[in-house]
N, C-alpha and C. Protein backbone atom coordinates (compact mmCIF):
# COMPACT_ATOMS: atom_id res chain seq x y z
N MET A 1 30.62 0.99 -19.06
CA MET A 1 29.22 1.37 -18.89
C MET A 1 28.49 1.40 -20.23
N GLY A 2 29.24 1.73 -21.29
CA GLY A 2 28.62 1.81 -22.60
C GLY A 2 27.99 0.51 -23.04
N ARG A 3 28.52 -0.62 -22.52
CA ARG A 3 27.96 -1.91 -22.90
C ARG A 3 26.54 -2.10 -22.37
N TYR A 4 26.22 -1.42 -21.26
CA TYR A 4 24.93 -1.64 -20.60
C TYR A 4 24.04 -0.39 -20.63
N GLY A 5 24.60 0.71 -21.04
CA GLY A 5 23.86 1.96 -20.93
C GLY A 5 22.65 2.02 -21.84
N LEU A 6 21.59 2.64 -21.31
CA LEU A 6 20.38 2.92 -22.08
C LEU A 6 20.02 4.38 -21.84
N ALA A 7 19.31 4.96 -22.78
CA ALA A 7 18.78 6.30 -22.55
C ALA A 7 17.87 6.25 -21.32
N PRO A 8 17.92 7.31 -20.48
CA PRO A 8 17.13 7.29 -19.24
C PRO A 8 15.67 6.92 -19.45
N GLU A 9 15.07 7.43 -20.52
CA GLU A 9 13.65 7.16 -20.75
C GLU A 9 13.39 5.71 -21.15
N ASP A 10 14.46 5.00 -21.52
CA ASP A 10 14.28 3.61 -21.96
C ASP A 10 14.47 2.59 -20.83
N ILE A 11 15.10 3.02 -19.73
CA ILE A 11 15.45 2.07 -18.68
C ILE A 11 14.22 1.46 -18.05
N GLU A 12 13.25 2.29 -17.63
CA GLU A 12 12.04 1.76 -17.00
C GLU A 12 11.25 0.90 -17.97
N ALA A 13 11.13 1.36 -19.21
CA ALA A 13 10.38 0.59 -20.21
C ALA A 13 11.00 -0.79 -20.41
N LYS A 14 12.33 -0.84 -20.46
CA LYS A 14 13.01 -2.12 -20.63
C LYS A 14 12.81 -3.00 -19.41
N SER A 15 12.84 -2.39 -18.22
CA SER A 15 12.61 -3.16 -16.99
C SER A 15 11.24 -3.80 -17.00
N PHE A 16 10.22 -3.03 -17.37
CA PHE A 16 8.87 -3.57 -17.37
C PHE A 16 8.68 -4.61 -18.47
N GLU A 17 9.41 -4.46 -19.55
CA GLU A 17 9.36 -5.47 -20.60
C GLU A 17 9.90 -6.80 -20.08
N ILE A 18 10.99 -6.75 -19.35
CA ILE A 18 11.57 -7.97 -18.76
C ILE A 18 10.63 -8.55 -17.72
N ILE A 19 10.10 -7.69 -16.86
CA ILE A 19 9.18 -8.16 -15.82
C ILE A 19 7.98 -8.86 -16.43
N GLY A 20 7.50 -8.31 -17.54
CA GLY A 20 6.34 -8.91 -18.20
C GLY A 20 6.55 -10.35 -18.61
N THR A 21 7.79 -10.70 -18.91
CA THR A 21 8.09 -12.09 -19.31
C THR A 21 8.13 -13.02 -18.10
N LEU A 22 8.18 -12.45 -16.90
CA LEU A 22 8.30 -13.26 -15.68
C LEU A 22 6.96 -13.50 -14.99
N ILE A 23 5.91 -12.86 -15.49
CA ILE A 23 4.61 -12.90 -14.83
C ILE A 23 3.61 -13.68 -15.67
N SER A 24 2.88 -14.57 -15.03
CA SER A 24 1.78 -15.25 -15.70
C SER A 24 0.56 -14.34 -15.69
N GLU A 25 0.23 -13.78 -16.83
CA GLU A 25 -0.85 -12.80 -16.89
C GLU A 25 -2.21 -13.43 -16.69
N THR A 26 -2.30 -14.75 -16.79
CA THR A 26 -3.59 -15.41 -16.55
C THR A 26 -3.88 -15.50 -15.05
N ARG A 27 -2.89 -15.23 -14.24
CA ARG A 27 -3.03 -15.36 -12.79
C ARG A 27 -3.65 -14.12 -12.16
N TYR A 28 -3.56 -12.99 -12.87
CA TYR A 28 -4.00 -11.71 -12.31
C TYR A 28 -4.94 -11.01 -13.28
N SER A 29 -5.75 -10.10 -12.72
CA SER A 29 -6.58 -9.26 -13.57
C SER A 29 -5.70 -8.21 -14.23
N GLU A 30 -6.24 -7.52 -15.20
CA GLU A 30 -5.47 -6.50 -15.93
C GLU A 30 -4.96 -5.42 -14.98
N ASN A 31 -5.81 -4.99 -14.03
CA ASN A 31 -5.38 -3.96 -13.10
C ASN A 31 -4.42 -4.50 -12.05
N GLU A 32 -4.61 -5.73 -11.62
CA GLU A 32 -3.66 -6.32 -10.68
C GLU A 32 -2.27 -6.41 -11.29
N ILE A 33 -2.20 -6.68 -12.58
CA ILE A 33 -0.91 -6.77 -13.27
C ILE A 33 -0.12 -5.47 -13.10
N GLN A 34 -0.80 -4.32 -13.14
CA GLN A 34 -0.11 -3.05 -13.00
C GLN A 34 0.56 -2.92 -11.64
N ILE A 35 -0.09 -3.43 -10.62
CA ILE A 35 0.48 -3.39 -9.28
C ILE A 35 1.58 -4.43 -9.13
N VAL A 36 1.34 -5.61 -9.67
CA VAL A 36 2.35 -6.67 -9.61
C VAL A 36 3.66 -6.21 -10.25
N LYS A 37 3.57 -5.59 -11.40
CA LYS A 37 4.77 -5.13 -12.09
C LYS A 37 5.53 -4.09 -11.26
N ARG A 38 4.79 -3.19 -10.60
CA ARG A 38 5.43 -2.17 -9.78
C ARG A 38 6.14 -2.79 -8.59
N ILE A 39 5.53 -3.82 -7.99
CA ILE A 39 6.16 -4.48 -6.84
C ILE A 39 7.45 -5.17 -7.26
N VAL A 40 7.40 -5.90 -8.36
CA VAL A 40 8.60 -6.59 -8.84
C VAL A 40 9.67 -5.59 -9.24
N HIS A 41 9.27 -4.51 -9.89
CA HIS A 41 10.22 -3.48 -10.29
C HIS A 41 10.89 -2.86 -9.07
N THR A 42 10.12 -2.63 -8.02
CA THR A 42 10.65 -2.00 -6.80
C THR A 42 11.60 -2.91 -6.05
N THR A 43 11.28 -4.20 -6.01
CA THR A 43 12.07 -5.13 -5.21
C THR A 43 13.16 -5.85 -5.99
N GLY A 44 13.00 -5.95 -7.31
CA GLY A 44 13.92 -6.75 -8.10
C GLY A 44 13.81 -8.23 -7.78
N ASP A 45 12.64 -8.63 -7.29
CA ASP A 45 12.48 -10.00 -6.77
C ASP A 45 11.21 -10.64 -7.32
N PRO A 46 11.29 -11.34 -8.45
CA PRO A 46 10.08 -11.98 -9.00
C PRO A 46 9.49 -13.04 -8.08
N GLU A 47 10.29 -13.62 -7.21
CA GLU A 47 9.80 -14.66 -6.32
C GLU A 47 8.81 -14.13 -5.29
N ILE A 48 8.79 -12.83 -5.11
CA ILE A 48 7.85 -12.23 -4.16
C ILE A 48 6.41 -12.48 -4.57
N LEU A 49 6.19 -12.75 -5.86
CA LEU A 49 4.83 -12.96 -6.35
C LEU A 49 4.17 -14.17 -5.71
N GLU A 50 4.97 -15.15 -5.29
CA GLU A 50 4.40 -16.33 -4.65
C GLU A 50 3.73 -15.99 -3.33
N HIS A 51 4.05 -14.85 -2.77
CA HIS A 51 3.55 -14.47 -1.45
C HIS A 51 2.55 -13.31 -1.52
N LEU A 52 2.31 -12.81 -2.72
CA LEU A 52 1.42 -11.66 -2.90
C LEU A 52 -0.03 -12.10 -2.90
N ARG A 53 -0.88 -11.35 -2.18
CA ARG A 53 -2.29 -11.67 -2.10
C ARG A 53 -3.15 -10.42 -2.34
N PHE A 54 -4.17 -10.58 -3.20
CA PHE A 54 -5.14 -9.53 -3.46
C PHE A 54 -6.51 -9.98 -2.96
N HIS A 55 -7.17 -9.18 -2.14
CA HIS A 55 -8.59 -9.40 -1.87
C HIS A 55 -9.35 -9.12 -3.16
N PRO A 56 -10.44 -9.84 -3.43
CA PRO A 56 -11.16 -9.64 -4.70
C PRO A 56 -11.62 -8.21 -4.96
N GLN A 57 -11.91 -7.45 -3.90
CA GLN A 57 -12.38 -6.07 -4.08
C GLN A 57 -11.27 -5.04 -3.87
N ALA A 58 -10.04 -5.49 -3.76
CA ALA A 58 -8.96 -4.56 -3.41
C ALA A 58 -8.82 -3.42 -4.42
N ILE A 59 -8.74 -3.75 -5.69
CA ILE A 59 -8.49 -2.72 -6.69
C ILE A 59 -9.68 -1.78 -6.83
N SER A 60 -10.86 -2.35 -6.98
CA SER A 60 -12.04 -1.50 -7.19
C SER A 60 -12.29 -0.59 -5.98
N SER A 61 -12.09 -1.13 -4.79
CA SER A 61 -12.32 -0.33 -3.59
C SER A 61 -11.27 0.76 -3.43
N GLY A 62 -10.01 0.41 -3.67
CA GLY A 62 -8.94 1.40 -3.55
C GLY A 62 -9.03 2.50 -4.58
N VAL A 63 -9.27 2.12 -5.82
CA VAL A 63 -9.39 3.11 -6.89
C VAL A 63 -10.62 3.99 -6.65
N GLY A 64 -11.72 3.37 -6.23
CA GLY A 64 -12.92 4.15 -5.94
C GLY A 64 -12.70 5.17 -4.85
N ALA A 65 -11.96 4.78 -3.81
CA ALA A 65 -11.67 5.70 -2.71
C ALA A 65 -10.82 6.88 -3.19
N ILE A 66 -9.83 6.59 -4.00
CA ILE A 66 -8.98 7.66 -4.52
C ILE A 66 -9.78 8.61 -5.40
N LYS A 67 -10.61 8.07 -6.27
CA LYS A 67 -11.43 8.92 -7.13
C LYS A 67 -12.39 9.80 -6.33
N ALA A 68 -12.76 9.32 -5.13
CA ALA A 68 -13.66 10.09 -4.27
C ALA A 68 -12.91 11.09 -3.40
N GLY A 69 -11.57 11.14 -3.53
CA GLY A 69 -10.79 12.10 -2.77
C GLY A 69 -10.47 11.66 -1.36
N ALA A 70 -10.45 10.36 -1.11
CA ALA A 70 -10.18 9.85 0.24
C ALA A 70 -8.75 10.18 0.68
N SER A 71 -8.57 10.27 1.98
CA SER A 71 -7.23 10.47 2.54
C SER A 71 -6.42 9.19 2.37
N ILE A 72 -5.11 9.37 2.24
CA ILE A 72 -4.17 8.25 2.15
C ILE A 72 -3.25 8.32 3.36
N TYR A 73 -3.29 7.29 4.19
CA TYR A 73 -2.47 7.25 5.41
C TYR A 73 -1.31 6.29 5.22
N SER A 74 -0.14 6.70 5.70
CA SER A 74 1.02 5.80 5.71
C SER A 74 1.55 5.72 7.13
N ASP A 75 2.19 4.60 7.45
CA ASP A 75 2.67 4.45 8.82
C ASP A 75 3.91 5.29 9.10
N VAL A 76 4.78 5.46 8.13
CA VAL A 76 6.03 6.19 8.36
C VAL A 76 6.29 7.20 7.24
N LYS A 77 7.20 8.12 7.52
CA LYS A 77 7.50 9.20 6.56
C LYS A 77 8.08 8.66 5.27
N MET A 78 8.86 7.59 5.36
CA MET A 78 9.50 7.04 4.17
C MET A 78 8.46 6.71 3.09
N ALA A 79 7.34 6.16 3.53
CA ALA A 79 6.28 5.85 2.58
C ALA A 79 5.56 7.11 2.13
N ALA A 80 5.29 8.00 3.08
CA ALA A 80 4.52 9.20 2.76
C ALA A 80 5.22 10.06 1.72
N VAL A 81 6.54 10.22 1.84
CA VAL A 81 7.24 11.12 0.91
C VAL A 81 7.34 10.52 -0.50
N GLY A 82 7.19 9.19 -0.60
CA GLY A 82 7.29 8.55 -1.90
C GLY A 82 5.99 8.55 -2.69
N ILE A 83 4.88 8.84 -2.04
CA ILE A 83 3.58 8.84 -2.73
C ILE A 83 3.52 10.05 -3.67
N ASN A 84 3.05 9.83 -4.86
CA ASN A 84 3.00 10.87 -5.88
C ASN A 84 1.96 11.94 -5.50
N ARG A 85 2.46 13.04 -5.01
CA ARG A 85 1.57 14.09 -4.50
C ARG A 85 0.82 14.80 -5.63
N GLN A 86 1.41 14.86 -6.78
CA GLN A 86 0.72 15.50 -7.91
C GLN A 86 -0.51 14.69 -8.29
N LEU A 87 -0.36 13.37 -8.39
CA LEU A 87 -1.51 12.54 -8.74
C LEU A 87 -2.54 12.54 -7.61
N ALA A 88 -2.08 12.41 -6.37
CA ALA A 88 -3.01 12.41 -5.24
C ALA A 88 -3.76 13.74 -5.15
N GLY A 89 -3.02 14.84 -5.34
CA GLY A 89 -3.65 16.16 -5.29
C GLY A 89 -4.68 16.36 -6.38
N GLY A 90 -4.50 15.70 -7.52
CA GLY A 90 -5.46 15.81 -8.61
C GLY A 90 -6.83 15.27 -8.25
N PHE A 91 -6.86 14.39 -7.24
CA PHE A 91 -8.15 13.85 -6.77
C PHE A 91 -8.58 14.48 -5.44
N GLY A 92 -7.75 15.38 -4.92
CA GLY A 92 -8.07 15.99 -3.63
C GLY A 92 -7.73 15.11 -2.45
N CYS A 93 -6.88 14.10 -2.67
CA CYS A 93 -6.49 13.19 -1.59
C CYS A 93 -5.36 13.81 -0.76
N ARG A 94 -5.54 13.91 0.52
CA ARG A 94 -4.44 14.35 1.38
C ARG A 94 -3.62 13.13 1.79
N ILE A 95 -2.34 13.34 2.02
CA ILE A 95 -1.43 12.29 2.43
C ILE A 95 -1.03 12.54 3.88
N VAL A 96 -1.26 11.58 4.74
CA VAL A 96 -1.04 11.75 6.17
C VAL A 96 -0.09 10.67 6.68
N CYS A 97 0.95 11.09 7.41
CA CYS A 97 1.87 10.15 8.05
C CYS A 97 1.41 9.92 9.49
N LEU A 98 1.17 8.68 9.85
CA LEU A 98 0.57 8.36 11.14
C LEU A 98 1.47 8.70 12.32
N ILE A 99 2.78 8.65 12.15
CA ILE A 99 3.67 8.87 13.30
C ILE A 99 4.01 10.33 13.52
N ASP A 100 3.57 11.21 12.63
CA ASP A 100 3.87 12.63 12.78
C ASP A 100 3.10 13.23 13.96
N GLY A 101 3.69 14.23 14.56
CA GLY A 101 2.97 15.01 15.55
C GLY A 101 3.43 14.77 16.98
N VAL A 102 3.36 15.83 17.76
CA VAL A 102 3.78 15.77 19.16
C VAL A 102 2.89 14.83 19.95
N GLN A 103 1.61 14.82 19.65
CA GLN A 103 0.67 13.98 20.40
C GLN A 103 1.06 12.50 20.33
N VAL A 104 1.44 12.05 19.16
CA VAL A 104 1.84 10.65 18.98
C VAL A 104 3.12 10.36 19.75
N ALA A 105 4.09 11.26 19.63
CA ALA A 105 5.36 11.06 20.32
C ALA A 105 5.19 11.00 21.83
N GLU A 106 4.24 11.74 22.36
CA GLU A 106 4.01 11.76 23.80
C GLU A 106 3.19 10.56 24.27
N GLU A 107 2.25 10.13 23.46
CA GLU A 107 1.36 9.05 23.86
C GLU A 107 2.04 7.69 23.87
N ALA A 108 2.91 7.44 22.90
CA ALA A 108 3.51 6.12 22.73
C ALA A 108 4.24 5.62 23.99
N PRO A 109 5.17 6.39 24.58
CA PRO A 109 5.85 5.87 25.77
C PRO A 109 4.93 5.73 26.97
N GLY A 110 3.95 6.60 27.07
CA GLY A 110 3.02 6.52 28.19
C GLY A 110 2.18 5.27 28.18
N ARG A 111 1.89 4.77 27.00
CA ARG A 111 1.09 3.56 26.86
C ARG A 111 1.94 2.32 26.60
N SER A 112 3.27 2.53 26.53
CA SER A 112 4.21 1.44 26.22
C SER A 112 3.86 0.76 24.90
N ILE A 113 3.56 1.61 23.89
CA ILE A 113 3.29 1.11 22.55
C ILE A 113 4.18 1.85 21.57
N THR A 114 4.27 1.35 20.35
CA THR A 114 5.08 2.03 19.34
C THR A 114 4.40 3.31 18.88
N ARG A 115 5.21 4.20 18.29
CA ARG A 115 4.64 5.43 17.74
C ARG A 115 3.66 5.11 16.61
N ALA A 116 3.94 4.05 15.85
CA ALA A 116 3.04 3.68 14.76
C ALA A 116 1.67 3.26 15.30
N ALA A 117 1.67 2.47 16.36
CA ALA A 117 0.40 2.05 16.96
C ALA A 117 -0.32 3.25 17.55
N ALA A 118 0.44 4.16 18.19
CA ALA A 118 -0.18 5.37 18.74
C ALA A 118 -0.77 6.23 17.64
N GLY A 119 -0.08 6.28 16.48
CA GLY A 119 -0.60 7.04 15.35
C GLY A 119 -1.90 6.47 14.83
N VAL A 120 -2.01 5.15 14.80
CA VAL A 120 -3.26 4.52 14.38
C VAL A 120 -4.38 4.91 15.34
N ARG A 121 -4.09 4.88 16.62
CA ARG A 121 -5.10 5.28 17.61
C ARG A 121 -5.54 6.73 17.41
N ARG A 122 -4.56 7.58 17.12
CA ARG A 122 -4.85 9.01 16.98
C ARG A 122 -5.86 9.26 15.86
N PHE A 123 -5.72 8.53 14.76
CA PHE A 123 -6.59 8.78 13.61
C PHE A 123 -7.73 7.75 13.51
N SER A 124 -8.03 7.08 14.60
CA SER A 124 -8.95 5.95 14.58
C SER A 124 -10.33 6.28 14.01
N LYS A 125 -10.77 7.52 14.20
CA LYS A 125 -12.11 7.90 13.74
C LYS A 125 -12.13 8.39 12.29
N GLU A 126 -10.97 8.44 11.66
CA GLU A 126 -10.88 9.02 10.32
C GLU A 126 -10.63 7.99 9.22
N PHE A 127 -10.46 6.74 9.58
CA PHE A 127 -10.05 5.74 8.59
C PHE A 127 -11.17 5.27 7.66
N GLY A 128 -12.41 5.48 8.03
CA GLY A 128 -13.51 5.00 7.22
C GLY A 128 -13.43 5.50 5.79
N GLY A 129 -13.37 4.57 4.84
CA GLY A 129 -13.34 4.93 3.42
C GLY A 129 -12.00 5.40 2.90
N SER A 130 -10.96 5.33 3.73
CA SER A 130 -9.64 5.82 3.32
C SER A 130 -8.80 4.71 2.71
N VAL A 131 -7.58 5.06 2.34
CA VAL A 131 -6.57 4.08 1.95
C VAL A 131 -5.46 4.13 3.00
N VAL A 132 -5.17 3.01 3.62
CA VAL A 132 -4.12 2.95 4.64
C VAL A 132 -3.01 2.04 4.13
N ALA A 133 -1.79 2.59 4.06
CA ALA A 133 -0.64 1.84 3.54
C ALA A 133 0.39 1.67 4.66
N ILE A 134 0.62 0.43 5.06
CA ILE A 134 1.56 0.13 6.14
C ILE A 134 2.68 -0.73 5.58
N GLY A 135 3.89 -0.17 5.57
CA GLY A 135 5.02 -0.88 4.99
C GLY A 135 6.14 -1.16 5.96
N ASN A 136 6.05 -0.59 7.15
CA ASN A 136 7.17 -0.70 8.08
C ASN A 136 6.79 -1.36 9.40
N ALA A 137 5.66 -0.97 9.98
CA ALA A 137 5.36 -1.31 11.37
C ALA A 137 4.24 -2.34 11.50
N PRO A 138 4.57 -3.58 11.86
CA PRO A 138 3.51 -4.56 12.13
C PRO A 138 2.56 -4.11 13.22
N THR A 139 3.08 -3.36 14.20
CA THR A 139 2.22 -2.89 15.30
C THR A 139 1.12 -1.98 14.78
N ALA A 140 1.40 -1.23 13.73
CA ALA A 140 0.36 -0.37 13.15
C ALA A 140 -0.75 -1.22 12.54
N LEU A 141 -0.37 -2.29 11.86
CA LEU A 141 -1.37 -3.16 11.24
C LEU A 141 -2.18 -3.88 12.31
N PHE A 142 -1.52 -4.39 13.34
CA PHE A 142 -2.25 -5.02 14.44
C PHE A 142 -3.23 -4.03 15.08
N ALA A 143 -2.76 -2.81 15.32
CA ALA A 143 -3.61 -1.80 15.96
C ALA A 143 -4.82 -1.46 15.08
N LEU A 144 -4.60 -1.37 13.78
CA LEU A 144 -5.70 -1.07 12.86
C LEU A 144 -6.73 -2.18 12.87
N LEU A 145 -6.28 -3.42 12.82
CA LEU A 145 -7.21 -4.55 12.84
C LEU A 145 -7.97 -4.62 14.15
N ASP A 146 -7.31 -4.29 15.26
CA ASP A 146 -7.99 -4.26 16.56
C ASP A 146 -9.10 -3.22 16.57
N LEU A 147 -8.82 -2.05 15.98
CA LEU A 147 -9.83 -1.00 15.92
C LEU A 147 -11.04 -1.46 15.11
N ILE A 148 -10.78 -2.07 13.98
CA ILE A 148 -11.88 -2.55 13.12
C ILE A 148 -12.68 -3.62 13.85
N ASP A 149 -11.98 -4.52 14.54
CA ASP A 149 -12.67 -5.55 15.32
C ASP A 149 -13.54 -4.92 16.41
N GLY A 150 -13.10 -3.76 16.89
CA GLY A 150 -13.84 -3.08 17.95
C GLY A 150 -14.99 -2.23 17.44
N GLY A 151 -15.19 -2.22 16.13
CA GLY A 151 -16.34 -1.50 15.58
C GLY A 151 -16.03 -0.19 14.90
N HIS A 152 -14.77 0.20 14.84
CA HIS A 152 -14.43 1.43 14.13
C HIS A 152 -14.60 1.23 12.62
N PRO A 153 -14.93 2.30 11.89
CA PRO A 153 -15.09 2.19 10.43
C PRO A 153 -13.80 1.70 9.78
N ALA A 154 -13.93 0.84 8.80
CA ALA A 154 -12.78 0.26 8.13
C ALA A 154 -12.36 1.12 6.94
N PRO A 155 -11.07 1.10 6.62
CA PRO A 155 -10.62 1.76 5.39
C PRO A 155 -11.23 1.10 4.16
N ALA A 156 -11.25 1.84 3.06
CA ALA A 156 -11.68 1.25 1.79
C ALA A 156 -10.68 0.21 1.32
N LEU A 157 -9.40 0.44 1.65
CA LEU A 157 -8.34 -0.49 1.26
C LEU A 157 -7.21 -0.43 2.27
N ILE A 158 -6.71 -1.59 2.66
CA ILE A 158 -5.51 -1.69 3.48
C ILE A 158 -4.39 -2.28 2.64
N VAL A 159 -3.33 -1.52 2.46
CA VAL A 159 -2.11 -2.04 1.84
C VAL A 159 -1.22 -2.44 3.01
N GLY A 160 -1.26 -3.71 3.37
CA GLY A 160 -0.56 -4.18 4.56
C GLY A 160 0.66 -4.98 4.20
N VAL A 161 1.81 -4.31 4.15
CA VAL A 161 3.05 -5.00 3.75
C VAL A 161 4.21 -4.69 4.71
N PRO A 162 3.98 -4.72 6.04
CA PRO A 162 5.09 -4.46 6.95
C PRO A 162 6.17 -5.52 6.80
N VAL A 163 7.41 -5.11 7.02
CA VAL A 163 8.56 -5.97 6.80
C VAL A 163 9.20 -6.36 8.13
N GLY A 164 9.83 -7.52 8.19
CA GLY A 164 10.61 -7.84 9.37
C GLY A 164 10.35 -9.23 9.92
N PHE A 165 10.98 -9.48 11.07
CA PHE A 165 10.96 -10.82 11.65
C PHE A 165 10.20 -10.88 12.98
N VAL A 166 9.70 -9.74 13.45
CA VAL A 166 8.94 -9.72 14.70
C VAL A 166 7.55 -9.15 14.41
N GLY A 167 6.59 -10.01 14.25
CA GLY A 167 5.21 -9.57 14.09
C GLY A 167 4.76 -9.31 12.67
N ALA A 168 5.71 -9.18 11.75
CA ALA A 168 5.31 -8.83 10.38
C ALA A 168 4.50 -9.95 9.73
N ALA A 169 5.03 -11.16 9.75
CA ALA A 169 4.31 -12.28 9.14
C ALA A 169 2.97 -12.51 9.82
N GLU A 170 2.97 -12.38 11.15
CA GLU A 170 1.73 -12.62 11.91
C GLU A 170 0.67 -11.57 11.61
N SER A 171 1.08 -10.31 11.51
CA SER A 171 0.10 -9.25 11.24
C SER A 171 -0.51 -9.40 9.86
N LYS A 172 0.32 -9.81 8.89
CA LYS A 172 -0.19 -9.97 7.53
C LYS A 172 -1.05 -11.22 7.40
N ALA A 173 -0.73 -12.24 8.18
CA ALA A 173 -1.59 -13.43 8.19
C ALA A 173 -2.96 -13.08 8.74
N GLU A 174 -2.99 -12.24 9.79
CA GLU A 174 -4.26 -11.78 10.34
C GLU A 174 -5.05 -11.01 9.30
N LEU A 175 -4.38 -10.11 8.59
CA LEU A 175 -5.06 -9.32 7.55
C LEU A 175 -5.63 -10.22 6.47
N SER A 176 -4.86 -11.20 6.05
CA SER A 176 -5.29 -12.07 4.94
C SER A 176 -6.51 -12.89 5.29
N ARG A 177 -6.76 -13.08 6.59
CA ARG A 177 -7.93 -13.86 7.02
C ARG A 177 -9.20 -13.01 7.11
N ARG A 178 -9.05 -11.71 6.95
CA ARG A 178 -10.21 -10.82 7.09
C ARG A 178 -10.87 -10.56 5.74
N ASP A 179 -12.18 -10.43 5.78
CA ASP A 179 -12.91 -10.05 4.57
C ASP A 179 -12.92 -8.54 4.45
N LEU A 180 -11.73 -7.99 4.33
CA LEU A 180 -11.53 -6.55 4.15
C LEU A 180 -10.74 -6.37 2.86
N PRO A 181 -11.08 -5.38 2.04
CA PRO A 181 -10.26 -5.14 0.85
C PRO A 181 -8.81 -4.88 1.25
N HIS A 182 -7.91 -5.70 0.74
CA HIS A 182 -6.51 -5.55 1.14
C HIS A 182 -5.58 -6.09 0.05
N ILE A 183 -4.35 -5.61 0.13
CA ILE A 183 -3.25 -6.14 -0.66
C ILE A 183 -2.13 -6.43 0.34
N THR A 184 -1.60 -7.63 0.32
CA THR A 184 -0.56 -7.96 1.28
C THR A 184 0.45 -8.92 0.67
N ILE A 185 1.57 -9.08 1.37
CA ILE A 185 2.62 -10.01 0.99
C ILE A 185 2.91 -10.87 2.20
N LEU A 186 2.55 -12.12 2.15
CA LEU A 186 2.70 -12.99 3.30
C LEU A 186 4.18 -13.23 3.62
N GLY A 187 4.46 -13.47 4.90
CA GLY A 187 5.82 -13.75 5.32
C GLY A 187 6.55 -12.50 5.78
N THR A 188 7.88 -12.55 5.74
CA THR A 188 8.70 -11.47 6.28
C THR A 188 8.97 -10.36 5.28
N ARG A 189 8.77 -10.62 3.99
CA ARG A 189 9.03 -9.58 2.99
C ARG A 189 8.04 -8.43 3.10
N GLY A 190 8.47 -7.27 2.64
CA GLY A 190 7.61 -6.10 2.64
C GLY A 190 8.46 -4.84 2.61
N GLY A 191 7.93 -3.75 3.13
CA GLY A 191 8.69 -2.53 3.23
C GLY A 191 7.96 -1.31 2.70
N SER A 192 8.45 -0.15 3.12
CA SER A 192 7.83 1.12 2.74
C SER A 192 7.87 1.35 1.24
N ALA A 193 8.96 0.92 0.60
CA ALA A 193 9.05 1.12 -0.85
C ALA A 193 7.95 0.37 -1.58
N ILE A 194 7.61 -0.83 -1.09
CA ILE A 194 6.52 -1.59 -1.70
C ILE A 194 5.19 -0.91 -1.45
N ALA A 195 4.97 -0.47 -0.22
CA ALA A 195 3.71 0.22 0.10
C ALA A 195 3.52 1.43 -0.81
N THR A 196 4.59 2.19 -0.99
CA THR A 196 4.53 3.36 -1.86
C THR A 196 4.27 2.97 -3.30
N ALA A 197 4.93 1.93 -3.77
CA ALA A 197 4.75 1.48 -5.15
C ALA A 197 3.30 1.08 -5.41
N VAL A 198 2.69 0.40 -4.44
CA VAL A 198 1.30 -0.02 -4.60
C VAL A 198 0.38 1.19 -4.67
N VAL A 199 0.57 2.14 -3.75
CA VAL A 199 -0.29 3.33 -3.75
C VAL A 199 -0.13 4.11 -5.05
N ASN A 200 1.10 4.27 -5.51
CA ASN A 200 1.31 5.01 -6.76
C ASN A 200 0.70 4.28 -7.96
N ALA A 201 0.74 2.96 -7.94
CA ALA A 201 0.08 2.20 -9.01
C ALA A 201 -1.42 2.42 -8.96
N LEU A 202 -1.98 2.44 -7.77
CA LEU A 202 -3.42 2.70 -7.62
C LEU A 202 -3.78 4.10 -8.11
N LEU A 203 -2.93 5.07 -7.81
CA LEU A 203 -3.18 6.43 -8.30
C LEU A 203 -3.19 6.47 -9.83
N ARG A 204 -2.28 5.76 -10.44
CA ARG A 204 -2.25 5.71 -11.91
C ARG A 204 -3.49 5.01 -12.46
N LEU A 205 -3.93 3.96 -11.77
CA LEU A 205 -5.15 3.28 -12.19
C LEU A 205 -6.36 4.19 -12.05
N ALA A 206 -6.37 5.02 -11.00
CA ALA A 206 -7.47 5.96 -10.81
C ALA A 206 -7.50 7.00 -11.92
N VAL A 207 -6.32 7.45 -12.35
CA VAL A 207 -6.24 8.39 -13.46
C VAL A 207 -6.80 7.74 -14.73
N ALA A 208 -6.41 6.49 -14.97
CA ALA A 208 -6.91 5.78 -16.15
C ALA A 208 -8.41 5.56 -16.07
N ALA A 209 -8.91 5.26 -14.87
CA ALA A 209 -10.35 5.02 -14.70
C ALA A 209 -11.15 6.29 -14.87
N ARG A 210 -10.57 7.41 -14.51
CA ARG A 210 -11.27 8.69 -14.70
C ARG A 210 -11.44 8.97 -16.19
N LYS A 211 -10.47 8.54 -16.97
CA LYS A 211 -10.56 8.73 -18.42
C LYS A 211 -11.46 7.69 -19.06
N ASP A 212 -11.47 6.47 -18.50
CA ASP A 212 -12.25 5.38 -19.03
C ASP A 212 -12.83 4.56 -17.88
N PRO A 213 -14.08 4.80 -17.47
CA PRO A 213 -14.68 4.12 -16.32
C PRO A 213 -14.65 2.60 -16.41
N ARG A 214 -14.49 2.03 -17.58
CA ARG A 214 -14.43 0.59 -17.72
C ARG A 214 -13.19 0.01 -17.07
N LYS A 215 -12.21 0.83 -16.77
CA LYS A 215 -10.96 0.38 -16.18
C LYS A 215 -10.97 0.40 -14.65
N ASP A 216 -12.13 0.61 -14.05
CA ASP A 216 -12.27 0.67 -12.60
C ASP A 216 -11.97 -0.65 -11.92
N GLN A 217 -12.31 -1.76 -12.57
CA GLN A 217 -12.27 -3.06 -11.90
C GLN A 217 -10.87 -3.64 -11.86
């Protein structure tokens, strides 16, 4: 182990140094780079960048929502528990897991839908101006897009990165075709860890923007 060991505080710094050599910085804005690095760090997969997509207003809209104290919704607990509550709390942002609650558990089987989709329905009137991070359930992303198509207020930012082989690629393709601020990864790749990494990167960007408003974009 001594051949590879680094001081704990040096491991992340070294990782990001390596990641920096793998990314074409001319391809992304300065703020997008911060999110890109977190995604690669989380997945250990530089090839994921070929499938990553940013809406032009994704960063500014997401950071603006966080600075305004918007709620942050996640589809599953795995994502919710990974979001940095100290940073979110500093802006007054509450963190909400869509599948939590007796109401969701009871509604899903009655409607023959997933708990994630039922959770989206439950909070349908609250998404306007929020940040919604979906890393696990394609049905949640489909349900959210259906609500928006039906006239419900849209989130300030959708982090749509559900993973899997049934509906994941299709739901993200639908998101990528919408003129909605979003961050997504096309294809089957994704996951709650990525959704959490993106939200935490946005929280850090919001902290930086609060100190220097020029960093909002």
